[in-house]
Every structure is written in structure tokens, then in C-alpha cells.
Amino acid sequence: MQERASVKEILSLLEIEDTSILESLRDEGLFQEDFVGPDAAEELRVALTLVRDLGVNPAGVEVVLHLRRRMRVLEELTESSLRRLLAELEGP
């Protein structure tokens, strides 16, 4: 079972005192839960960094997170295909 972390704990770890960033992300439909698993915690860290450090608006954050997820899926598919191809080339 994966551990879940409080969104408030994550904000504290990232030294973010202004919760308006989180509120703006939630207005965009992101990070609605009060507790998140490891993957969502990493996405929250990325989202907060994008907003705080790079000035990306919440809609842009949603696009970036979607593209990151899609890129991970494509990376997994590519790795799987390469493993299968190598196994075929090596033969029995």
C-alpha cells in the first residue's frame, strides 16, 4: 500500500506559505484531494515550481502535467518495444 501525504505537508516541505497558489490550481481542477500518493505529490511539486518559479498559469500547469504523463507512457512503451526487439534479435 502506498503512503499518502497531506497537501499541506507538501506545501510546508516546499516552504510555500501562500496557499493562493494551491487555490488557483484547485480552481483549475487540479489537486482536489487533501491527501495525495507519491505520483500526485511529485506532480504537485512540479506544479508549484512551475507557478512559483516560472510564472506559469494554472491552465499552463495542467497542460504541462498532461504532457509529462503522456511522455512517461510513451517512454514506457518505447522501453518495452526495445526490450522485445532485443529479445527477438538475440533469438532462442
N, C-alpha and C. Protein backbone atom coordinates (compact mmCIF):
# COMPACT_ATOMS: atom_id res chain seq x y z
N MET A 1 0.84 -1.19 0.00
CA MET A 1 0.00 0.00 0.00
C MET A 1 0.88 1.25 0.00
N GLN A 2 0.57 2.18 -0.87
CA GLN A 2 1.36 3.40 -0.97
C GLN A 2 0.94 4.39 0.11
N GLU A 3 1.93 5.06 0.66
CA GLU A 3 1.63 6.10 1.64
C GLU A 3 1.10 7.33 0.94
N ARG A 4 0.26 8.05 1.66
CA ARG A 4 -0.29 9.29 1.14
C ARG A 4 0.18 10.42 2.03
N ALA A 5 0.44 11.55 1.42
CA ALA A 5 0.91 12.73 2.14
C ALA A 5 -0.15 13.82 2.08
N SER A 6 -0.17 14.61 3.10
CA SER A 6 -1.07 15.75 3.14
C SER A 6 -0.55 16.83 2.19
N VAL A 7 -1.46 17.45 1.47
CA VAL A 7 -1.08 18.55 0.58
C VAL A 7 -0.44 19.67 1.40
N LYS A 8 -0.95 19.90 2.59
CA LYS A 8 -0.39 20.94 3.46
C LYS A 8 1.04 20.61 3.86
N GLU A 9 1.34 19.31 4.10
CA GLU A 9 2.70 18.89 4.42
C GLU A 9 3.64 19.17 3.24
N ILE A 10 3.15 18.89 2.05
CA ILE A 10 3.97 19.12 0.85
C ILE A 10 4.26 20.61 0.70
N LEU A 11 3.24 21.44 0.88
CA LEU A 11 3.45 22.89 0.82
C LEU A 11 4.49 23.32 1.84
N SER A 12 4.41 22.77 3.03
CA SER A 12 5.35 23.12 4.09
C SER A 12 6.78 22.69 3.72
N LEU A 13 6.91 21.47 3.19
CA LEU A 13 8.24 20.98 2.78
C LEU A 13 8.85 21.85 1.70
N LEU A 14 8.01 22.38 0.84
CA LEU A 14 8.49 23.24 -0.25
C LEU A 14 8.59 24.71 0.18
N GLU A 15 8.33 24.93 1.48
CA GLU A 15 8.42 26.27 2.06
C GLU A 15 7.49 27.26 1.36
N ILE A 16 6.28 26.79 1.08
CA ILE A 16 5.27 27.64 0.45
C ILE A 16 4.23 27.98 1.51
N GLU A 17 4.19 29.24 1.89
CA GLU A 17 3.25 29.68 2.92
C GLU A 17 1.97 30.24 2.30
N ASP A 18 2.07 30.77 1.11
CA ASP A 18 0.93 31.37 0.43
C ASP A 18 0.10 30.28 -0.23
N THR A 19 -1.06 29.99 0.33
CA THR A 19 -1.89 28.91 -0.21
C THR A 19 -2.70 29.34 -1.44
N SER A 20 -2.56 30.60 -1.84
CA SER A 20 -3.31 31.03 -3.03
C SER A 20 -2.85 30.28 -4.28
N ILE A 21 -1.61 29.84 -4.31
CA ILE A 21 -1.13 29.05 -5.46
C ILE A 21 -1.93 27.76 -5.54
N LEU A 22 -2.07 27.08 -4.40
CA LEU A 22 -2.85 25.84 -4.37
C LEU A 22 -4.30 26.12 -4.74
N GLU A 23 -4.85 27.18 -4.23
CA GLU A 23 -6.24 27.52 -4.54
C GLU A 23 -6.43 27.75 -6.04
N SER A 24 -5.46 28.42 -6.68
CA SER A 24 -5.58 28.66 -8.13
C SER A 24 -5.48 27.36 -8.91
N LEU A 25 -4.64 26.44 -8.44
CA LEU A 25 -4.55 25.13 -9.10
C LEU A 25 -5.84 24.34 -8.92
N ARG A 26 -6.41 24.43 -7.72
CA ARG A 26 -7.67 23.73 -7.46
C ARG A 26 -8.81 24.32 -8.28
N ASP A 27 -8.79 25.63 -8.49
CA ASP A 27 -9.80 26.27 -9.34
C ASP A 27 -9.74 25.72 -10.76
N GLU A 28 -8.56 25.27 -11.16
CA GLU A 28 -8.36 24.70 -12.50
C GLU A 28 -8.72 23.21 -12.52
N GLY A 29 -9.09 22.67 -11.34
CA GLY A 29 -9.47 21.26 -11.25
C GLY A 29 -8.34 20.34 -10.86
N LEU A 30 -7.21 20.89 -10.45
CA LEU A 30 -6.05 20.10 -10.09
C LEU A 30 -5.95 19.96 -8.57
N PHE A 31 -5.45 18.81 -8.11
CA PHE A 31 -5.12 18.57 -6.70
C PHE A 31 -6.29 18.87 -5.77
N GLN A 32 -7.42 18.26 -6.07
CA GLN A 32 -8.62 18.47 -5.28
C GLN A 32 -8.58 17.75 -3.93
N GLU A 33 -7.85 16.64 -3.86
CA GLU A 33 -7.80 15.86 -2.62
C GLU A 33 -6.87 16.52 -1.61
N ASP A 34 -7.13 16.25 -0.33
CA ASP A 34 -6.28 16.78 0.74
C ASP A 34 -5.07 15.90 1.00
N PHE A 35 -5.13 14.64 0.55
CA PHE A 35 -4.02 13.71 0.68
C PHE A 35 -3.72 13.12 -0.68
N VAL A 36 -2.44 12.99 -1.00
CA VAL A 36 -2.03 12.50 -2.32
C VAL A 36 -0.97 11.41 -2.18
N GLY A 37 -0.94 10.53 -3.17
CA GLY A 37 0.07 9.49 -3.23
C GLY A 37 1.38 10.05 -3.79
N PRO A 38 2.40 9.20 -3.89
CA PRO A 38 3.72 9.65 -4.35
C PRO A 38 3.72 10.31 -5.73
N ASP A 39 3.00 9.74 -6.68
CA ASP A 39 2.98 10.31 -8.04
C ASP A 39 2.32 11.69 -8.05
N ALA A 40 1.19 11.79 -7.36
CA ALA A 40 0.49 13.08 -7.29
C ALA A 40 1.30 14.09 -6.50
N ALA A 41 2.04 13.64 -5.49
CA ALA A 41 2.89 14.54 -4.71
C ALA A 41 3.99 15.12 -5.60
N GLU A 42 4.55 14.28 -6.45
CA GLU A 42 5.58 14.77 -7.39
C GLU A 42 4.97 15.74 -8.38
N GLU A 43 3.77 15.44 -8.87
CA GLU A 43 3.10 16.37 -9.78
C GLU A 43 2.80 17.70 -9.09
N LEU A 44 2.41 17.64 -7.82
CA LEU A 44 2.15 18.86 -7.06
C LEU A 44 3.42 19.67 -6.92
N ARG A 45 4.55 18.99 -6.65
CA ARG A 45 5.83 19.69 -6.54
C ARG A 45 6.17 20.39 -7.86
N VAL A 46 5.98 19.67 -8.96
CA VAL A 46 6.25 20.25 -10.28
C VAL A 46 5.32 21.44 -10.53
N ALA A 47 4.05 21.27 -10.23
CA ALA A 47 3.07 22.33 -10.46
C ALA A 47 3.41 23.58 -9.65
N LEU A 48 3.74 23.39 -8.39
CA LEU A 48 4.07 24.53 -7.54
C LEU A 48 5.34 25.23 -8.03
N THR A 49 6.30 24.45 -8.49
CA THR A 49 7.54 25.03 -9.03
C THR A 49 7.25 25.82 -10.30
N LEU A 50 6.41 25.26 -11.17
CA LEU A 50 6.06 25.97 -12.41
C LEU A 50 5.40 27.31 -12.11
N VAL A 51 4.48 27.32 -11.15
CA VAL A 51 3.77 28.55 -10.83
C VAL A 51 4.69 29.53 -10.11
N ARG A 52 5.35 29.06 -9.07
CA ARG A 52 6.14 29.96 -8.22
C ARG A 52 7.40 30.46 -8.90
N ASP A 53 8.15 29.55 -9.51
CA ASP A 53 9.47 29.92 -10.04
C ASP A 53 9.45 30.37 -11.49
N LEU A 54 8.49 29.85 -12.27
CA LEU A 54 8.49 30.16 -13.69
C LEU A 54 7.30 31.01 -14.13
N GLY A 55 6.36 31.25 -13.23
CA GLY A 55 5.23 32.10 -13.55
C GLY A 55 4.21 31.50 -14.50
N VAL A 56 4.17 30.17 -14.57
CA VAL A 56 3.20 29.50 -15.44
C VAL A 56 1.82 29.61 -14.78
N ASN A 57 0.81 29.90 -15.58
CA ASN A 57 -0.54 30.00 -15.01
C ASN A 57 -1.12 28.59 -14.83
N PRO A 58 -2.18 28.44 -14.00
CA PRO A 58 -2.73 27.11 -13.72
C PRO A 58 -3.16 26.33 -14.96
N ALA A 59 -3.70 27.00 -15.97
CA ALA A 59 -4.08 26.29 -17.20
C ALA A 59 -2.83 25.72 -17.87
N GLY A 60 -1.75 26.49 -17.87
CA GLY A 60 -0.49 26.00 -18.43
C GLY A 60 0.07 24.84 -17.64
N VAL A 61 -0.09 24.89 -16.33
CA VAL A 61 0.36 23.78 -15.47
C VAL A 61 -0.38 22.51 -15.84
N GLU A 62 -1.69 22.62 -16.06
CA GLU A 62 -2.48 21.45 -16.44
C GLU A 62 -1.95 20.84 -17.75
N VAL A 63 -1.62 21.68 -18.70
CA VAL A 63 -1.08 21.20 -19.98
C VAL A 63 0.26 20.52 -19.77
N VAL A 64 1.14 21.15 -19.00
CA VAL A 64 2.46 20.58 -18.74
C VAL A 64 2.34 19.22 -18.06
N LEU A 65 1.48 19.12 -17.05
CA LEU A 65 1.32 17.85 -16.34
C LEU A 65 0.77 16.77 -17.27
N HIS A 66 -0.18 17.14 -18.13
CA HIS A 66 -0.71 16.18 -19.09
C HIS A 66 0.39 15.69 -20.03
N LEU A 67 1.19 16.61 -20.52
CA LEU A 67 2.28 16.24 -21.44
C LEU A 67 3.33 15.37 -20.74
N ARG A 68 3.61 15.66 -19.46
CA ARG A 68 4.57 14.84 -18.69
C ARG A 68 4.05 13.41 -18.57
N ARG A 69 2.75 13.27 -18.24
CA ARG A 69 2.16 11.94 -18.10
C ARG A 69 2.23 11.19 -19.43
N ARG A 70 1.88 11.89 -20.50
CA ARG A 70 1.91 11.27 -21.83
C ARG A 70 3.32 10.86 -22.21
N MET A 71 4.29 11.70 -21.90
CA MET A 71 5.68 11.39 -22.20
C MET A 71 6.14 10.14 -21.44
N ARG A 72 5.72 10.01 -20.18
CA ARG A 72 6.08 8.82 -19.40
C ARG A 72 5.50 7.56 -20.03
N VAL A 73 4.26 7.63 -20.46
CA VAL A 73 3.64 6.48 -21.10
C VAL A 73 4.40 6.11 -22.37
N LEU A 74 4.74 7.10 -23.16
CA LEU A 74 5.49 6.85 -24.40
C LEU A 74 6.88 6.28 -24.12
N GLU A 75 7.52 6.77 -23.06
CA GLU A 75 8.83 6.22 -22.67
C GLU A 75 8.70 4.75 -22.29
N GLU A 76 7.67 4.41 -21.52
CA GLU A 76 7.46 3.02 -21.12
C GLU A 76 7.20 2.14 -22.34
N LEU A 77 6.39 2.64 -23.27
CA LEU A 77 6.11 1.87 -24.48
C LEU A 77 7.37 1.67 -25.31
N THR A 78 8.19 2.71 -25.40
CA THR A 78 9.44 2.62 -26.16
C THR A 78 10.38 1.62 -25.52
N GLU A 79 10.53 1.68 -24.20
CA GLU A 79 11.40 0.73 -23.50
C GLU A 79 10.92 -0.69 -23.69
N SER A 80 9.62 -0.88 -23.57
CA SER A 80 9.04 -2.22 -23.74
C SER A 80 9.29 -2.73 -25.16
N SER A 81 9.10 -1.88 -26.14
CA SER A 81 9.32 -2.28 -27.54
C SER A 81 10.79 -2.61 -27.78
N LEU A 82 11.67 -1.81 -27.21
CA LEU A 82 13.10 -2.09 -27.39
C LEU A 82 13.51 -3.39 -26.72
N ARG A 83 12.99 -3.67 -25.55
CA ARG A 83 13.30 -4.94 -24.87
C ARG A 83 12.81 -6.12 -25.72
N ARG A 84 11.59 -6.00 -26.24
CA ARG A 84 11.03 -7.06 -27.06
C ARG A 84 11.86 -7.26 -28.33
N LEU A 85 12.25 -6.16 -28.96
CA LEU A 85 13.06 -6.24 -30.18
C LEU A 85 14.42 -6.88 -29.89
N LEU A 86 15.05 -6.47 -28.81
CA LEU A 86 16.34 -7.07 -28.45
C LEU A 86 16.19 -8.56 -28.17
N ALA A 87 15.12 -8.94 -27.50
CA ALA A 87 14.91 -10.36 -27.22
C ALA A 87 14.73 -11.15 -28.51
N GLU A 88 14.03 -10.55 -29.48
CA GLU A 88 13.84 -11.22 -30.77
C GLU A 88 15.15 -11.33 -31.54
N LEU A 89 15.96 -10.28 -31.46
CA LEU A 89 17.23 -10.30 -32.18
C LEU A 89 18.21 -11.31 -31.57
N GLU A 90 18.14 -11.48 -30.26
CA GLU A 90 19.03 -12.43 -29.59
C GLU A 90 18.62 -13.85 -29.91
N GLY A 91 17.35 -14.04 -30.19
CA GLY A 91 16.86 -15.37 -30.58
C GLY A 91 16.85 -16.34 -29.41
N PRO A 92 16.39 -17.56 -29.72
CA PRO A 92 16.29 -18.59 -28.68
C PRO A 92 17.63 -19.16 -28.25
